[in-house]
Structure formats: C-alpha cells, structure tokens
Amino acid sequence: MLSFGGTKNGAMLGEAIVVLEPEASEGLKYLRKLNMQLSSKMRFVSAQLVALLDGDLYLRNASHANAMASRLRDALDAGIAAGELPGLSFTQATQSNGVFAALPGGVADRLRDRGFKFYDWDAARGEVRWMCSFDTTEHDIDAFVTGIREELARAHPPPSDTRAAE
C-alpha cells in the first residue's frame, strides 16, 4: 500500500491509499468508513487528486519541496562548517522534503515565537522536524536560515574580550 497525501502536495484536502497488491485490500472498504474520512461529495476531493496526477503536477510539486529542503540543509551545513551555527546538528539524512535537526534548549521556541511553524520531533533530545512543501519559497528558506543563525548566536554569544584596554 502507498499513502498519497494530497494536502502536502497542494490539494485543499484529500488523501488516497493506493493498493499495489489486491489481496492486501481485504476489508479496506469497511475500514474506510470505520476509521477514515468518507466524504459525501467524494468526487470533489477526487478531482483534486486527478488534477495532481494529470501532467505530473504532483511530481513537480514534490520535486520543488525536496529542492527547498536541500536548500535549507545546504545552507545550514555551510553555516556549521563555517562555525556560524553553534549547537546545531542534524539527526537524520535529508532524503526528501524534511530536515531533522537538534537545537539547544529554547531556540526552537524562540523561532516559533518569531512566526516559523514547525514541530518538535523528540523534545527530550531537542530534535525538530522542518518540512518543506509545494509552496515553500527560496525567500522562506533564506529567512528561516537567518532566523536560525540569529537565535543560535543569541543562545551561544561569542566570548567577551577580557583583555585590558591598552
């Protein structure tokens, strides 16, 4: 089975389960009503999924989301290499539209207070999940990287110069 998420790809609503092996679908039509959403106007939801599949719009949207995640990861990797992002580390490889990182205490909350929307993945480890989507822009990424840079600098201020003035 494959889960095809419409909302992360630009649809207003709608998810689909694609069954690749017919014998695996035993009882699925009953679960659909029991555990999932079954809209009375399913044709309107389905029209969005058809539009995503037509002309490979879903693939263009997904490729864009993946490219934005790569842009985020590359910018942060460069900042780490330059010593500009103290306390930031990555917890997983970036293989699609998600970037998983660990931040020092308080940094994630301050970023959210600035209007950046993301979730804690493992709060005990300071791990966060940053997701990019079909509508993430380069400007969004650049602004987020700037916010991360500023909040990490705030969390780890450079040591003060204690030498006496000459």
N, C-alpha and C. Protein backbone atom coordinates (compact mmCIF):
# COMPACT_ATOMS: atom_id res chain seq x y z
N MET A 1 0.83 -1.17 0.00
CA MET A 1 0.00 0.00 0.00
C MET A 1 0.88 1.24 0.00
N LEU A 2 0.36 2.25 -0.65
CA LEU A 2 1.05 3.53 -0.74
C LEU A 2 0.08 4.61 -0.30
N SER A 3 0.55 5.48 0.58
CA SER A 3 -0.28 6.61 1.00
C SER A 3 0.08 7.81 0.14
N PHE A 4 -0.90 8.36 -0.53
CA PHE A 4 -0.71 9.52 -1.40
C PHE A 4 -1.38 10.71 -0.74
N GLY A 5 -0.56 11.61 -0.20
CA GLY A 5 -1.09 12.76 0.52
C GLY A 5 -1.36 13.92 -0.40
N GLY A 6 -2.61 14.30 -0.50
CA GLY A 6 -2.96 15.42 -1.36
C GLY A 6 -2.67 16.77 -0.75
N THR A 7 -2.90 16.92 0.55
CA THR A 7 -2.77 18.24 1.16
C THR A 7 -1.32 18.72 1.17
N LYS A 8 -0.36 17.84 1.37
CA LYS A 8 1.04 18.25 1.35
C LYS A 8 1.52 18.56 -0.06
N ASN A 9 0.68 18.23 -1.03
CA ASN A 9 1.07 18.43 -2.41
C ASN A 9 0.23 19.50 -3.10
N GLY A 10 -0.58 20.23 -2.34
CA GLY A 10 -1.30 21.35 -2.91
C GLY A 10 -2.81 21.24 -2.94
N ALA A 11 -3.38 20.09 -2.60
CA ALA A 11 -4.83 19.94 -2.57
C ALA A 11 -5.38 20.57 -1.28
N MET A 12 -6.63 21.02 -1.34
CA MET A 12 -7.25 21.57 -0.13
C MET A 12 -7.49 20.47 0.90
N LEU A 13 -7.81 19.29 0.45
CA LEU A 13 -7.96 18.13 1.31
C LEU A 13 -7.93 16.89 0.43
N GLY A 14 -7.73 15.79 1.06
CA GLY A 14 -7.77 14.52 0.34
C GLY A 14 -6.48 13.74 0.41
N GLU A 15 -6.64 12.53 0.79
CA GLU A 15 -5.55 11.56 0.83
C GLU A 15 -6.06 10.31 0.13
N ALA A 16 -5.15 9.57 -0.45
CA ALA A 16 -5.56 8.34 -1.12
C ALA A 16 -4.66 7.20 -0.66
N ILE A 17 -5.23 6.03 -0.60
CA ILE A 17 -4.45 4.82 -0.37
C ILE A 17 -4.45 4.05 -1.68
N VAL A 18 -3.27 3.81 -2.19
CA VAL A 18 -3.11 3.08 -3.44
C VAL A 18 -2.69 1.67 -3.06
N VAL A 19 -3.51 0.70 -3.42
CA VAL A 19 -3.24 -0.69 -3.08
C VAL A 19 -2.52 -1.33 -4.26
N LEU A 20 -1.29 -1.74 -4.04
CA LEU A 20 -0.46 -2.31 -5.10
C LEU A 20 -0.65 -3.82 -5.23
N GLU A 21 -1.09 -4.44 -4.16
CA GLU A 21 -1.36 -5.88 -4.17
C GLU A 21 -2.82 -6.08 -3.77
N PRO A 22 -3.68 -6.46 -4.71
CA PRO A 22 -5.12 -6.56 -4.44
C PRO A 22 -5.47 -7.39 -3.20
N GLU A 23 -4.70 -8.45 -2.93
CA GLU A 23 -5.04 -9.28 -1.77
C GLU A 23 -4.80 -8.53 -0.46
N ALA A 24 -4.03 -7.45 -0.50
CA ALA A 24 -3.79 -6.66 0.71
C ALA A 24 -4.95 -5.72 1.02
N SER A 25 -5.91 -5.63 0.11
CA SER A 25 -7.02 -4.70 0.32
C SER A 25 -8.21 -5.32 1.03
N GLU A 26 -8.08 -6.56 1.45
CA GLU A 26 -9.17 -7.26 2.15
C GLU A 26 -9.67 -6.41 3.32
N GLY A 27 -10.91 -6.08 3.31
CA GLY A 27 -11.53 -5.33 4.40
C GLY A 27 -11.29 -3.83 4.36
N LEU A 28 -10.54 -3.34 3.39
CA LEU A 28 -10.22 -1.92 3.34
C LEU A 28 -11.46 -1.04 3.17
N LYS A 29 -12.40 -1.49 2.36
CA LYS A 29 -13.59 -0.66 2.15
C LYS A 29 -14.39 -0.49 3.44
N TYR A 30 -14.30 -1.43 4.36
CA TYR A 30 -15.00 -1.31 5.63
C TYR A 30 -14.23 -0.38 6.58
N LEU A 31 -12.91 -0.48 6.55
CA LEU A 31 -12.09 0.39 7.37
C LEU A 31 -12.23 1.85 6.94
N ARG A 32 -12.44 2.07 5.65
CA ARG A 32 -12.59 3.42 5.11
C ARG A 32 -13.70 4.16 5.85
N LYS A 33 -14.82 3.51 6.05
CA LYS A 33 -15.94 4.16 6.75
C LYS A 33 -15.74 4.15 8.26
N LEU A 34 -15.09 3.12 8.77
CA LEU A 34 -14.92 2.98 10.20
C LEU A 34 -13.88 3.96 10.76
N ASN A 35 -12.72 4.07 10.10
CA ASN A 35 -11.59 4.81 10.64
C ASN A 35 -11.16 6.03 9.84
N MET A 36 -11.68 6.18 8.65
CA MET A 36 -11.20 7.25 7.80
C MET A 36 -12.34 8.16 7.39
N GLN A 37 -11.99 9.13 6.62
CA GLN A 37 -12.98 10.09 6.15
C GLN A 37 -13.62 9.57 4.87
N LEU A 38 -14.90 9.60 4.83
CA LEU A 38 -15.63 9.25 3.60
C LEU A 38 -16.59 10.40 3.34
N SER A 39 -16.17 11.27 2.46
CA SER A 39 -16.95 12.46 2.15
C SER A 39 -18.16 12.13 1.30
N SER A 40 -19.24 12.83 1.55
CA SER A 40 -20.43 12.60 0.74
C SER A 40 -20.25 13.16 -0.67
N LYS A 41 -19.34 14.07 -0.83
CA LYS A 41 -19.05 14.66 -2.15
C LYS A 41 -17.63 14.26 -2.58
N MET A 42 -17.36 12.97 -2.52
CA MET A 42 -16.03 12.46 -2.79
C MET A 42 -15.52 12.85 -4.17
N ARG A 43 -16.42 13.09 -5.11
CA ARG A 43 -15.98 13.43 -6.46
C ARG A 43 -15.20 14.75 -6.47
N PHE A 44 -15.53 15.67 -5.54
CA PHE A 44 -14.82 16.95 -5.47
C PHE A 44 -13.41 16.76 -4.90
N VAL A 45 -13.31 15.89 -3.92
CA VAL A 45 -12.00 15.56 -3.36
C VAL A 45 -11.17 14.84 -4.42
N SER A 46 -11.78 13.89 -5.08
CA SER A 46 -11.08 13.10 -6.11
C SER A 46 -10.61 13.97 -7.26
N ALA A 47 -11.38 15.00 -7.61
CA ALA A 47 -10.99 15.89 -8.71
C ALA A 47 -9.65 16.54 -8.43
N GLN A 48 -9.38 16.87 -7.18
CA GLN A 48 -8.08 17.45 -6.82
C GLN A 48 -6.95 16.45 -7.04
N LEU A 49 -7.19 15.20 -6.66
CA LEU A 49 -6.15 14.19 -6.84
C LEU A 49 -5.91 13.92 -8.32
N VAL A 50 -6.99 13.90 -9.11
CA VAL A 50 -6.85 13.72 -10.56
C VAL A 50 -6.01 14.86 -11.13
N ALA A 51 -6.27 16.09 -10.69
CA ALA A 51 -5.52 17.25 -11.18
C ALA A 51 -4.04 17.13 -10.81
N LEU A 52 -3.74 16.63 -9.62
CA LEU A 52 -2.35 16.46 -9.21
C LEU A 52 -1.63 15.43 -10.08
N LEU A 53 -2.36 14.38 -10.47
CA LEU A 53 -1.75 13.32 -11.28
C LEU A 53 -1.64 13.71 -12.75
N ASP A 54 -2.52 14.58 -13.21
CA ASP A 54 -2.53 14.99 -14.62
C ASP A 54 -1.29 15.83 -14.92
N GLY A 55 -0.52 15.41 -15.90
CA GLY A 55 0.67 16.17 -16.28
C GLY A 55 1.77 16.15 -15.24
N ASP A 56 1.71 15.23 -14.31
CA ASP A 56 2.74 15.08 -13.27
C ASP A 56 2.90 16.29 -12.37
N LEU A 57 1.79 17.02 -12.12
CA LEU A 57 1.85 18.15 -11.20
C LEU A 57 2.36 17.71 -9.83
N TYR A 58 1.92 16.55 -9.35
CA TYR A 58 2.37 16.05 -8.05
C TYR A 58 3.88 15.91 -8.01
N LEU A 59 4.47 15.47 -9.12
CA LEU A 59 5.92 15.26 -9.18
C LEU A 59 6.66 16.59 -9.19
N ARG A 60 6.15 17.56 -9.91
CA ARG A 60 6.76 18.89 -9.91
C ARG A 60 6.67 19.52 -8.52
N ASN A 61 5.52 19.38 -7.89
CA ASN A 61 5.35 19.92 -6.54
C ASN A 61 6.29 19.23 -5.55
N ALA A 62 6.37 17.91 -5.62
CA ALA A 62 7.23 17.16 -4.71
C ALA A 62 8.70 17.48 -4.97
N SER A 63 9.08 17.60 -6.23
CA SER A 63 10.47 17.93 -6.56
C SER A 63 10.84 19.31 -6.01
N HIS A 64 9.91 20.24 -6.10
CA HIS A 64 10.15 21.58 -5.55
C HIS A 64 10.33 21.51 -4.03
N ALA A 65 9.46 20.77 -3.34
CA ALA A 65 9.57 20.64 -1.89
C ALA A 65 10.91 20.01 -1.51
N ASN A 66 11.32 18.99 -2.23
CA ASN A 66 12.61 18.35 -1.96
C ASN A 66 13.76 19.32 -2.19
N ALA A 67 13.68 20.13 -3.25
CA ALA A 67 14.73 21.11 -3.56
C ALA A 67 14.82 22.16 -2.45
N MET A 68 13.69 22.56 -1.89
CA MET A 68 13.71 23.55 -0.81
C MET A 68 14.33 22.95 0.45
N ALA A 69 14.05 21.68 0.73
CA ALA A 69 14.68 21.01 1.87
C ALA A 69 16.19 20.91 1.66
N SER A 70 16.61 20.63 0.44
CA SER A 70 18.05 20.58 0.13
C SER A 70 18.68 21.96 0.31
N ARG A 71 17.97 23.00 -0.11
CA ARG A 71 18.49 24.37 0.05
C ARG A 71 18.68 24.68 1.54
N LEU A 72 17.70 24.30 2.35
CA LEU A 72 17.79 24.51 3.79
C LEU A 72 18.98 23.75 4.37
N ARG A 73 19.07 22.49 4.05
CA ARG A 73 20.15 21.65 4.59
C ARG A 73 21.50 22.18 4.14
N ASP A 74 21.64 22.52 2.86
CA ASP A 74 22.93 23.01 2.34
C ASP A 74 23.35 24.30 3.03
N ALA A 75 22.39 25.22 3.21
CA ALA A 75 22.72 26.49 3.87
C ALA A 75 23.15 26.27 5.32
N LEU A 76 22.46 25.36 6.01
CA LEU A 76 22.81 25.08 7.39
C LEU A 76 24.12 24.31 7.49
N ASP A 77 24.35 23.38 6.58
CA ASP A 77 25.64 22.66 6.55
C ASP A 77 26.79 23.65 6.37
N ALA A 78 26.61 24.62 5.47
CA ALA A 78 27.65 25.62 5.22
C ALA A 78 27.88 26.46 6.48
N GLY A 79 26.79 26.81 7.17
CA GLY A 79 26.93 27.58 8.41
C GLY A 79 27.62 26.80 9.51
N ILE A 80 27.36 25.52 9.60
CA ILE A 80 28.03 24.67 10.58
C ILE A 80 29.52 24.60 10.25
N ALA A 81 29.84 24.36 8.98
CA ALA A 81 31.23 24.25 8.55
C ALA A 81 32.01 25.54 8.83
N ALA A 82 31.32 26.68 8.71
CA ALA A 82 31.97 27.98 8.95
C ALA A 82 31.99 28.36 10.43
N GLY A 83 31.43 27.50 11.28
CA GLY A 83 31.40 27.78 12.71
C GLY A 83 30.39 28.85 13.10
N GLU A 84 29.40 29.10 12.25
CA GLU A 84 28.42 30.15 12.48
C GLU A 84 27.13 29.67 13.15
N LEU A 85 26.99 28.37 13.32
CA LEU A 85 25.74 27.83 13.87
C LEU A 85 26.04 26.91 15.06
N PRO A 86 26.53 27.50 16.16
CA PRO A 86 26.90 26.67 17.32
C PRO A 86 25.69 25.97 17.92
N GLY A 87 25.86 24.69 18.18
CA GLY A 87 24.80 23.93 18.83
C GLY A 87 23.83 23.25 17.90
N LEU A 88 23.90 23.55 16.60
CA LEU A 88 23.01 22.90 15.63
C LEU A 88 23.66 21.63 15.12
N SER A 89 22.89 20.56 15.08
CA SER A 89 23.37 19.31 14.46
C SER A 89 22.19 18.65 13.77
N PHE A 90 22.50 17.78 12.84
CA PHE A 90 21.46 17.05 12.12
C PHE A 90 21.35 15.66 12.70
N THR A 91 20.13 15.17 12.79
CA THR A 91 19.90 13.86 13.40
C THR A 91 19.60 12.78 12.37
N GLN A 92 19.25 13.20 11.15
CA GLN A 92 18.93 12.24 10.10
C GLN A 92 19.38 12.81 8.76
N ALA A 93 19.59 11.93 7.81
CA ALA A 93 19.91 12.37 6.45
C ALA A 93 18.70 13.08 5.86
N THR A 94 18.95 14.07 5.02
CA THR A 94 17.87 14.75 4.32
C THR A 94 17.68 14.05 2.98
N GLN A 95 16.59 13.28 2.88
CA GLN A 95 16.36 12.47 1.69
C GLN A 95 15.11 12.87 0.92
N SER A 96 14.34 13.76 1.50
CA SER A 96 13.11 14.19 0.82
C SER A 96 12.82 15.62 1.24
N ASN A 97 11.59 15.93 1.63
CA ASN A 97 11.22 17.29 1.95
C ASN A 97 11.32 17.63 3.43
N GLY A 98 11.95 16.78 4.21
CA GLY A 98 12.08 17.02 5.64
C GLY A 98 13.51 17.11 6.08
N VAL A 99 13.77 18.03 7.01
CA VAL A 99 15.09 18.19 7.63
C VAL A 99 14.91 18.00 9.12
N PHE A 100 15.69 17.09 9.70
CA PHE A 100 15.61 16.79 11.12
C PHE A 100 16.90 17.28 11.77
N ALA A 101 16.74 18.11 12.80
CA ALA A 101 17.91 18.71 13.45
C ALA A 101 17.71 18.75 14.95
N ALA A 102 18.80 18.95 15.65
CA ALA A 102 18.76 19.15 17.10
C ALA A 102 19.24 20.56 17.39
N LEU A 103 18.52 21.23 18.28
CA LEU A 103 18.81 22.62 18.64
C LEU A 103 19.04 22.72 20.15
N PRO A 104 19.83 23.68 20.56
CA PRO A 104 19.98 23.92 22.00
C PRO A 104 18.65 24.35 22.62
N GLY A 105 18.54 24.15 23.91
CA GLY A 105 17.32 24.49 24.63
C GLY A 105 16.85 25.92 24.39
N GLY A 106 15.56 26.08 24.16
CA GLY A 106 14.95 27.37 23.99
C GLY A 106 14.96 27.93 22.58
N VAL A 107 15.85 27.45 21.74
CA VAL A 107 15.98 28.00 20.38
C VAL A 107 14.74 27.71 19.55
N ALA A 108 14.23 26.49 19.62
CA ALA A 108 13.04 26.14 18.83
C ALA A 108 11.86 27.01 19.22
N ASP A 109 11.66 27.21 20.51
CA ASP A 109 10.54 28.03 20.95
C ASP A 109 10.69 29.48 20.49
N ARG A 110 11.90 30.01 20.55
CA ARG A 110 12.12 31.39 20.09
C ARG A 110 11.88 31.51 18.58
N LEU A 111 12.26 30.49 17.82
CA LEU A 111 11.99 30.52 16.38
C LEU A 111 10.49 30.49 16.12
N ARG A 112 9.77 29.67 16.86
CA ARG A 112 8.31 29.63 16.71
C ARG A 112 7.68 30.96 17.12
N ASP A 113 8.23 31.60 18.16
CA ASP A 113 7.73 32.92 18.59
C ASP A 113 7.92 33.95 17.48
N ARG A 114 8.90 33.74 16.63
CA ARG A 114 9.15 34.66 15.51
C ARG A 114 8.24 34.36 14.31
N GLY A 115 7.40 33.33 14.44
CA GLY A 115 6.44 33.03 13.38
C GLY A 115 6.79 31.85 12.51
N PHE A 116 7.90 31.18 12.77
CA PHE A 116 8.25 30.00 11.99
C PHE A 116 7.48 28.81 12.54
N LYS A 117 6.86 28.05 11.65
CA LYS A 117 5.99 26.95 12.07
C LYS A 117 6.69 25.61 11.84
N PHE A 118 6.88 24.88 12.93
CA PHE A 118 7.44 23.53 12.86
C PHE A 118 7.19 22.83 14.19
N TYR A 119 7.42 21.54 14.21
CA TYR A 119 7.12 20.72 15.38
C TYR A 119 8.39 20.14 15.99
N ASP A 120 8.29 19.88 17.29
CA ASP A 120 9.32 19.07 17.93
C ASP A 120 9.12 17.64 17.47
N TRP A 121 10.20 16.96 17.17
CA TRP A 121 10.15 15.55 16.79
C TRP A 121 10.42 14.70 18.02
N ASP A 122 11.46 15.06 18.75
CA ASP A 122 11.79 14.40 20.02
C ASP A 122 12.25 15.50 20.97
N ALA A 123 11.30 16.04 21.71
CA ALA A 123 11.58 17.20 22.56
C ALA A 123 12.67 16.91 23.59
N ALA A 124 12.75 15.68 24.09
CA ALA A 124 13.75 15.34 25.09
C ALA A 124 15.17 15.50 24.53
N ARG A 125 15.33 15.32 23.23
CA ARG A 125 16.65 15.47 22.59
C ARG A 125 16.83 16.83 21.92
N GLY A 126 15.80 17.67 21.97
CA GLY A 126 15.87 18.95 21.28
C GLY A 126 15.76 18.79 19.77
N GLU A 127 15.19 17.65 19.33
CA GLU A 127 15.10 17.36 17.90
C GLU A 127 13.82 17.95 17.32
N VAL A 128 13.97 18.61 16.18
CA VAL A 128 12.85 19.24 15.49
C VAL A 128 12.74 18.68 14.08
N ARG A 129 11.56 18.88 13.50
CA ARG A 129 11.29 18.43 12.13
C ARG A 129 10.87 19.66 11.32
N TRP A 130 11.66 19.99 10.30
CA TRP A 130 11.37 21.11 9.42
C TRP A 130 10.93 20.55 8.08
N MET A 131 9.69 20.82 7.71
CA MET A 131 9.14 20.28 6.47
C MET A 131 8.96 21.39 5.44
N CYS A 132 9.31 21.07 4.21
CA CYS A 132 9.09 21.97 3.07
C CYS A 132 7.96 21.40 2.24
N SER A 133 7.26 22.27 1.52
CA SER A 133 6.11 21.82 0.74
C SER A 133 6.10 22.46 -0.63
N PHE A 134 5.03 22.22 -1.34
CA PHE A 134 4.87 22.73 -2.70
C PHE A 134 4.94 24.26 -2.75
N ASP A 135 4.59 24.93 -1.65
CA ASP A 135 4.55 26.39 -1.68
C ASP A 135 5.67 27.06 -0.88
N THR A 136 6.67 26.29 -0.46
CA THR A 136 7.84 26.87 0.20
C THR A 136 8.66 27.62 -0.84
N THR A 137 9.05 28.85 -0.52
CA THR A 137 9.83 29.65 -1.46
C THR A 137 11.29 29.74 -1.02
N GLU A 138 12.14 30.15 -1.94
CA GLU A 138 13.54 30.39 -1.58
C GLU A 138 13.63 31.46 -0.50
N HIS A 139 12.77 32.47 -0.61
CA HIS A 139 12.75 33.52 0.41
C HIS A 139 12.40 32.94 1.78
N ASP A 140 11.43 32.02 1.83
CA ASP A 140 11.08 31.37 3.10
C ASP A 140 12.30 30.69 3.71
N ILE A 141 13.04 29.96 2.89
CA ILE A 141 14.22 29.24 3.38
C ILE A 141 15.27 30.22 3.87
N ASP A 142 15.55 31.23 3.06
CA ASP A 142 16.59 32.20 3.43
C ASP A 142 16.23 32.93 4.72
N ALA A 143 14.96 33.30 4.88
CA ALA A 143 14.52 33.97 6.11
C ALA A 143 14.65 33.03 7.31
N PHE A 144 14.32 31.76 7.11
CA PHE A 144 14.42 30.79 8.20
C PHE A 144 15.87 30.57 8.60
N VAL A 145 16.76 30.46 7.62
CA VAL A 145 18.18 30.29 7.92
C VAL A 145 18.69 31.50 8.70
N THR A 146 18.28 32.69 8.31
CA THR A 146 18.67 33.90 9.04
C THR A 146 18.15 33.85 10.47
N GLY A 147 16.90 33.43 10.66
CA GLY A 147 16.34 33.31 12.00
C GLY A 147 17.10 32.29 12.84
N ILE A 148 17.44 31.17 12.26
CA ILE A 148 18.20 30.15 12.98
C ILE A 148 19.56 30.71 13.38
N ARG A 149 20.22 31.37 12.44
CA ARG A 149 21.54 31.95 12.71
C ARG A 149 21.45 32.95 13.88
N GLU A 150 20.43 33.81 13.85
CA GLU A 150 20.29 34.81 14.91
C GLU A 150 19.97 34.19 16.26
N GLU A 151 19.11 33.20 16.28
CA GLU A 151 18.73 32.58 17.56
C GLU A 151 19.87 31.73 18.13
N LEU A 152 20.64 31.08 17.27
CA LEU A 152 21.79 30.32 17.77
C LEU A 152 22.86 31.26 18.31
N ALA A 153 23.05 32.41 17.66
CA ALA A 153 24.01 33.39 18.16
C ALA A 153 23.56 33.92 19.52
N ARG A 154 22.27 34.09 19.68
CA ARG A 154 21.71 34.54 20.96
C ARG A 154 21.90 33.48 22.04
N ALA A 155 21.76 32.22 21.66
CA ALA A 155 21.92 31.11 22.62
C ALA A 155 23.39 30.88 22.98
N HIS A 156 24.27 31.20 22.04
CA HIS A 156 25.72 31.00 22.24
C HIS A 156 26.46 32.29 21.88
N PRO A 157 26.37 33.30 22.72
CA PRO A 157 27.07 34.54 22.39
C PRO A 157 28.59 34.32 22.35
N PRO A 158 29.28 35.06 21.49
CA PRO A 158 30.73 34.88 21.44
C PRO A 158 31.36 35.29 22.77
N PRO A 159 32.47 34.66 23.12
CA PRO A 159 33.10 35.03 24.40
C PRO A 159 33.52 36.50 24.36
N SER A 160 33.36 37.17 25.50
CA SER A 160 33.76 38.58 25.55
C SER A 160 35.26 38.67 25.66
N ASP A 161 35.78 39.76 25.17
CA ASP A 161 37.22 40.00 25.22
C ASP A 161 37.55 40.55 26.60
N THR A 162 38.29 39.77 27.36
CA THR A 162 38.59 40.16 28.75
C THR A 162 39.95 40.83 28.86
N ARG A 163 40.62 41.03 27.74
CA ARG A 163 41.94 41.71 27.81
C ARG A 163 41.75 43.16 28.22
N ALA A 164 42.64 43.62 29.00
CA ALA A 164 42.57 45.02 29.43
C ALA A 164 42.87 45.93 28.26
N ALA A 165 42.22 47.05 28.21
CA ALA A 165 42.47 48.03 27.15
C ALA A 165 43.88 48.55 27.31
N GLU A 166 44.55 48.73 26.19
CA GLU A 166 45.94 49.20 26.27
C GLU A 166 46.01 50.68 26.20
